[in-house]
Amino acid sequence: MKTNTSVKKVVLITGASSGIGRSIGEYLSKQNFKVYGTSRNPAKITNPPFSMVALDVTKKETIIQAVKQIIAKEGAIDVLINNAGMGITGPIEETPDEEIAKAFDTNYFGPIKVIKAVLPQMRKQNSGLIINITSIAGYMGLPYRGIYSASKGALELTTEAFRMELKDFNIKMTNIAPGDFATNIAAGRYHAPALDDSPYKEPYQNTLKLMDEDVDAGKDPLLMAKAVHRVIKKKNPRGHYKVGEALQKFSVGLKRVLPDKLYEKMLLKHYKL
């Protein structure tokens, strides 16, 4: 990172038009960071609290253009926060292949593309921090959220490999996995339709209702923003952080120690399946 503390660190946040991304951007702006948020259509955002640039994580050319634009203006990118993502629910058997591909393109391949775009600049600086916003769901295969869990889990594991590959360049990388937060993510999710003749119809509908209730009762995204700020201030961040309800974080620890069948029973009971 820059040693001159009077110079504002430059932060790039993908998916910053709403929800967790916007909260992180607003908070970091107040902590004397120069924040650039991204959106596919920044012109549609009224009175953004920080600078916005156009970027679609599924389109490489927009990523390259946005990164070039920021470097040309600021001369650096100190922190990348890979926040853009999409929710997806449904029985795996009945989820269209193209929707599965779209979820991975946004939640996994997209962040990798953005990382690749900023690494040359960070290597030139001999400094940088990359924070991948994943999910506590990425630590376990959740019923009717299997594709989402897999896409976020893949990013968690890739970060572990990346950390070792980047160690010689003074570039740090970490994951921050949120639990349920009160955002509009449920509205933007892809929901596989509950088909009338589907053998999954009833359990899927019941599980979907529970998921939406968890989001509605979720924590304030400001807590996530503060957690990101704490990680940015660390000299050597760990590979994994979890933010959310104590029970959600505890469930990750339980998975490490409980026998598979017992952990599966616990999930089945939670989702009333």
Protein backbone atom coordinates (compact mmCIF):
# COMPACT_ATOMS: atom_id res chain seq x y z
CA MET A 1 0.00 0.00 0.00
CA LYS A 2 1.09 3.60 -0.38
CA THR A 3 3.37 4.75 2.39
CA ASN A 4 2.29 8.38 2.13
CA THR A 5 -0.71 8.49 4.44
CA SER A 6 -1.71 11.94 3.14
CA VAL A 7 -2.53 10.38 -0.24
CA LYS A 8 -5.99 8.88 -0.47
CA LYS A 9 -5.98 5.19 -1.26
CA VAL A 10 -7.92 4.38 -4.40
CA VAL A 11 -10.63 1.76 -4.01
CA LEU A 12 -12.51 0.04 -6.83
CA ILE A 13 -15.80 -1.64 -5.84
CA THR A 14 -17.76 -3.72 -8.35
CA GLY A 15 -21.54 -3.85 -8.01
CA ALA A 16 -21.72 -0.64 -5.99
CA SER A 17 -25.07 0.75 -7.13
CA SER A 18 -26.99 -0.68 -4.16
CA GLY A 19 -26.90 -3.01 -1.17
CA ILE A 20 -23.62 -4.08 0.39
CA GLY A 21 -21.49 -2.53 -2.37
CA ARG A 22 -23.03 0.91 -1.97
CA SER A 23 -22.76 0.72 1.83
CA ILE A 24 -19.07 -0.16 1.59
CA GLY A 25 -18.46 2.70 -0.84
CA GLU A 26 -20.29 5.27 1.29
CA TYR A 27 -18.46 4.23 4.43
CA LEU A 28 -14.99 4.16 2.85
CA SER A 29 -15.59 7.57 1.28
CA LYS A 30 -16.13 8.94 4.79
CA GLN A 31 -12.88 7.30 5.91
CA ASN A 32 -10.81 9.33 3.42
CA PHE A 33 -10.61 6.78 0.60
CA LYS A 34 -11.04 7.73 -3.04
CA VAL A 35 -13.83 5.37 -4.08
CA TYR A 36 -14.84 4.28 -7.57
CA GLY A 37 -17.94 2.15 -7.71
CA THR A 38 -19.15 0.27 -10.75
CA SER A 39 -22.50 -0.46 -12.30
CA ARG A 40 -23.60 -1.67 -15.71
CA ASN A 41 -25.60 1.56 -16.09
CA PRO A 42 -24.16 4.27 -13.80
CA ALA A 43 -26.21 6.98 -15.55
CA LYS A 44 -29.33 5.51 -13.93
CA ILE A 45 -28.00 6.12 -10.41
CA THR A 46 -29.18 9.41 -8.95
CA ASN A 47 -26.79 11.34 -6.69
CA PRO A 48 -24.20 8.61 -6.14
CA PRO A 49 -22.13 9.29 -2.99
CA PHE A 50 -18.87 8.41 -4.82
CA SER A 51 -17.56 8.27 -8.38
CA MET A 52 -19.21 5.68 -10.63
CA VAL A 53 -17.83 4.02 -13.75
CA ALA A 54 -19.47 1.65 -16.20
CA LEU A 55 -18.44 -1.98 -15.81
CA ASP A 56 -20.12 -5.31 -16.44
CA VAL A 57 -18.18 -8.18 -14.85
CA THR A 58 -19.36 -10.52 -17.59
CA LYS A 59 -17.87 -8.32 -20.35
CA LYS A 60 -14.09 -8.20 -20.42
CA GLU A 61 -13.86 -5.08 -22.58
CA THR A 62 -15.84 -3.02 -20.04
CA ILE A 63 -13.56 -4.21 -17.24
CA ILE A 64 -10.40 -3.24 -19.12
CA GLN A 65 -11.85 0.16 -20.02
CA ALA A 66 -12.92 0.94 -16.44
CA VAL A 67 -9.56 -0.06 -14.97
CA LYS A 68 -7.69 2.01 -17.58
CA GLN A 69 -9.94 4.99 -16.85
CA ILE A 70 -9.24 4.88 -13.11
CA ILE A 71 -5.49 4.37 -13.50
CA ALA A 72 -5.29 7.25 -16.00
CA LYS A 73 -7.01 9.55 -13.51
CA GLU A 74 -5.53 8.37 -10.20
CA GLY A 75 -2.29 6.61 -11.16
CA ALA A 76 -3.09 3.67 -8.88
CA ILE A 77 -5.61 1.12 -7.69
CA ASP A 78 -4.84 0.26 -4.09
CA VAL A 79 -7.85 -1.88 -3.19
CA LEU A 80 -10.18 -3.95 -5.34
CA ILE A 81 -13.41 -5.12 -3.75
CA ASN A 82 -15.08 -7.80 -5.88
CA ASN A 83 -18.67 -7.36 -4.73
CA ALA A 84 -20.78 -7.78 -7.89
CA GLY A 85 -22.81 -10.96 -7.80
CA MET A 86 -26.18 -12.53 -8.42
CA GLY A 87 -28.43 -14.83 -6.45
CA ILE A 88 -29.90 -17.97 -7.92
CA THR A 89 -32.31 -20.48 -6.43
CA GLY A 90 -34.07 -23.60 -7.60
CA PRO A 91 -33.87 -27.37 -7.75
CA ILE A 92 -30.62 -28.08 -9.58
CA GLU A 93 -32.36 -30.59 -11.84
CA GLU A 94 -34.84 -27.94 -12.99
CA THR A 95 -32.51 -24.94 -13.19
CA PRO A 96 -31.84 -24.06 -16.86
CA ASP A 97 -28.25 -24.64 -17.95
CA GLU A 98 -27.98 -21.09 -19.26
CA GLU A 99 -28.94 -19.68 -15.85
CA ILE A 100 -26.32 -21.84 -14.14
CA ALA A 101 -23.72 -20.54 -16.60
CA LYS A 102 -24.87 -16.95 -16.02
CA ALA A 103 -24.52 -17.32 -12.23
CA PHE A 104 -20.97 -18.64 -12.55
CA ASP A 105 -20.12 -15.95 -15.10
CA THR A 106 -21.17 -13.26 -12.61
CA ASN A 107 -20.11 -14.80 -9.29
CA TYR A 108 -16.90 -16.56 -10.31
CA PHE A 109 -15.54 -15.85 -13.80
CA GLY A 110 -16.41 -12.15 -13.50
CA PRO A 111 -14.35 -11.53 -10.36
CA ILE A 112 -11.44 -13.46 -11.88
CA LYS A 113 -11.56 -11.18 -14.94
CA VAL A 114 -11.49 -8.06 -12.75
CA ILE A 115 -8.59 -9.44 -10.69
CA LYS A 116 -6.61 -10.13 -13.87
CA ALA A 117 -7.26 -6.57 -15.03
CA VAL A 118 -5.89 -4.90 -11.88
CA LEU A 119 -2.94 -7.19 -11.15
CA PRO A 120 -0.47 -5.59 -13.62
CA GLN A 121 -1.00 -2.19 -11.98
CA MET A 122 -0.72 -3.61 -8.45
CA ARG A 123 2.44 -5.47 -9.40
CA LYS A 124 3.86 -2.22 -10.81
CA GLN A 125 3.01 -0.50 -7.51
CA ASN A 126 4.44 -3.46 -5.56
CA SER A 127 1.34 -3.20 -3.40
CA GLY A 128 -2.37 -3.90 -3.40
CA LEU A 129 -5.25 -5.59 -1.63
CA ILE A 130 -8.01 -7.62 -3.27
CA ILE A 131 -11.12 -8.44 -1.23
CA ASN A 132 -13.53 -10.98 -2.67
CA ILE A 133 -17.05 -10.74 -1.25
CA THR A 134 -18.24 -14.33 -1.15
CA SER A 135 -20.91 -15.81 1.13
CA ILE A 136 -21.29 -18.03 4.15
CA ALA A 137 -23.42 -20.11 1.75
CA GLY A 138 -20.17 -20.85 -0.08
CA TYR A 139 -19.01 -23.03 2.80
CA MET A 140 -21.82 -25.56 2.43
CA GLY A 141 -24.13 -27.00 -0.19
CA LEU A 142 -27.52 -25.53 0.68
CA PRO A 143 -30.76 -27.06 -0.63
CA TYR A 144 -32.20 -25.12 -3.56
CA ARG A 145 -29.19 -22.80 -3.45
CA GLY A 146 -26.65 -25.34 -4.67
CA ILE A 147 -25.50 -23.33 -7.69
CA TYR A 148 -25.07 -20.16 -5.63
CA SER A 149 -23.15 -22.07 -2.95
CA ALA A 150 -20.90 -23.64 -5.60
CA SER A 151 -20.09 -20.35 -7.34
CA LYS A 152 -19.18 -18.61 -4.09
CA GLY A 153 -17.30 -21.64 -2.78
CA ALA A 154 -15.24 -21.74 -5.98
CA LEU A 155 -14.15 -18.13 -5.41
CA GLU A 156 -13.21 -18.92 -1.80
CA LEU A 157 -10.91 -21.75 -2.93
CA THR A 158 -9.43 -19.80 -5.83
CA THR A 159 -8.49 -17.02 -3.43
CA GLU A 160 -6.48 -19.51 -1.37
CA ALA A 161 -4.44 -20.41 -4.44
CA PHE A 162 -4.11 -16.79 -5.57
CA ARG A 163 -2.71 -15.72 -2.18
CA MET A 164 0.25 -18.06 -2.58
CA GLU A 165 0.85 -17.09 -6.20
CA LEU A 166 0.88 -13.35 -5.36
CA LYS A 167 3.05 -13.42 -2.23
CA ASP A 168 6.21 -12.28 -4.08
CA PHE A 169 4.53 -9.10 -5.35
CA ASN A 170 3.29 -7.69 -2.01
CA ILE A 171 -0.29 -8.12 -3.21
CA LYS A 172 -2.70 -9.40 -0.56
CA MET A 173 -5.97 -11.19 -1.21
CA THR A 174 -8.75 -12.29 1.11
CA ASN A 175 -12.37 -13.39 1.20
CA ILE A 176 -15.09 -11.78 3.29
CA ALA A 177 -18.15 -14.01 3.50
CA PRO A 178 -21.36 -12.25 4.59
CA GLY A 179 -24.35 -14.02 6.02
CA ASP A 180 -27.82 -12.56 5.52
CA PHE A 181 -28.02 -8.79 5.26
CA ALA A 182 -31.06 -6.57 4.74
CA THR A 183 -30.57 -5.75 1.05
CA ASN A 184 -32.52 -6.06 -2.18
CA ILE A 185 -30.65 -9.21 -3.25
CA ALA A 186 -33.81 -11.34 -3.10
CA ALA A 187 -35.51 -9.10 -5.65
CA GLY A 188 -32.63 -9.50 -8.08
CA ARG A 189 -32.27 -13.27 -7.73
CA TYR A 190 -32.99 -15.71 -10.48
CA HIS A 191 -35.70 -18.05 -9.22
CA ALA A 192 -36.26 -21.25 -11.11
CA PRO A 193 -40.07 -21.45 -11.38
CA ALA A 194 -41.89 -23.77 -9.00
CA LEU A 195 -43.52 -25.93 -11.65
CA ASP A 196 -46.98 -27.31 -10.88
CA ASP A 197 -45.97 -30.82 -11.89
CA SER A 198 -42.54 -30.62 -10.21
CA PRO A 199 -41.69 -33.25 -7.55
CA TYR A 200 -39.81 -30.41 -5.78
CA LYS A 201 -42.64 -27.87 -5.79
CA GLU A 202 -43.64 -27.88 -2.12
CA PRO A 203 -40.22 -28.20 -0.45
CA TYR A 204 -38.76 -25.62 -2.87
CA GLN A 205 -41.49 -23.08 -2.15
CA ASN A 206 -41.11 -23.59 1.61
CA THR A 207 -37.33 -23.20 1.43
CA LEU A 208 -37.64 -20.09 -0.72
CA LYS A 209 -39.94 -18.51 1.85
CA LEU A 210 -37.43 -19.22 4.64
CA MET A 211 -34.58 -17.71 2.59
CA ASP A 212 -36.52 -14.51 1.94
CA GLU A 213 -37.42 -14.23 5.63
CA ASP A 214 -33.74 -14.58 6.56
CA VAL A 215 -32.80 -11.72 4.21
CA ASP A 216 -35.64 -9.51 5.46
CA ALA A 217 -34.45 -10.06 9.03
CA GLY A 218 -30.80 -9.64 8.05
CA LYS A 219 -28.28 -7.27 9.58
CA ASP A 220 -27.54 -3.69 8.50
CA PRO A 221 -25.08 -3.62 5.55
CA LEU A 222 -23.13 -0.95 7.47
CA LEU A 223 -21.71 -3.79 9.59
CA MET A 224 -20.27 -5.31 6.45
CA ALA A 225 -18.80 -1.95 5.42
CA LYS A 226 -17.07 -1.61 8.78
CA ALA A 227 -15.73 -5.15 8.52
CA VAL A 228 -14.24 -4.35 5.10
CA HIS A 229 -12.59 -1.23 6.53
CA ARG A 230 -11.05 -3.25 9.36
CA VAL A 231 -9.60 -5.73 6.87
CA ILE A 232 -8.17 -2.94 4.70
CA LYS A 233 -6.31 -1.59 7.74
CA LYS A 234 -4.66 -4.95 8.48
CA LYS A 235 -1.05 -5.39 7.42
CA ASN A 236 -1.47 -9.09 6.63
CA PRO A 237 -5.13 -10.10 6.28
CA ARG A 238 -6.12 -13.72 6.78
CA GLY A 239 -7.51 -15.70 3.89
CA HIS A 240 -11.07 -15.88 5.21
CA TYR A 241 -13.41 -13.64 7.24
CA LYS A 242 -17.08 -14.16 8.02
CA VAL A 243 -19.57 -11.43 8.88
CA GLY A 244 -23.15 -11.95 10.01
CA GLU A 245 -25.33 -13.61 12.60
CA ALA A 246 -23.42 -15.61 15.22
CA LEU A 247 -25.38 -18.75 14.36
CA GLN A 248 -24.52 -18.47 10.67
CA LYS A 249 -20.81 -18.09 11.42
CA PHE A 250 -21.02 -20.91 13.96
CA SER A 251 -22.53 -23.19 11.33
CA VAL A 252 -19.31 -22.98 9.31
CA GLY A 253 -17.32 -24.18 12.31
CA LEU A 254 -19.79 -26.98 12.92
CA LYS A 255 -19.27 -28.27 9.40
CA ARG A 256 -15.59 -28.81 10.19
CA VAL A 257 -16.24 -30.92 13.26
CA LEU A 258 -19.58 -32.68 12.75
CA PRO A 259 -19.91 -35.92 10.79
CA ASP A 260 -21.37 -35.28 7.33
CA LYS A 261 -24.67 -37.02 8.02
CA LEU A 262 -25.23 -35.14 11.26
CA TYR A 263 -24.50 -31.80 9.60
CA GLU A 264 -26.86 -32.68 6.77
CA LYS A 265 -29.59 -33.49 9.30
CA MET A 266 -29.04 -30.10 10.90
CA LEU A 267 -29.56 -28.33 7.56
CA LEU A 268 -32.62 -30.41 6.76
CA LYS A 269 -34.13 -29.49 10.10
CA HIS A 270 -33.38 -25.79 9.59
CA TYR A 271 -35.07 -25.76 6.19
CA LYS A 272 -37.89 -28.05 7.40
CA LEU A 273 -37.21 -30.61 4.70
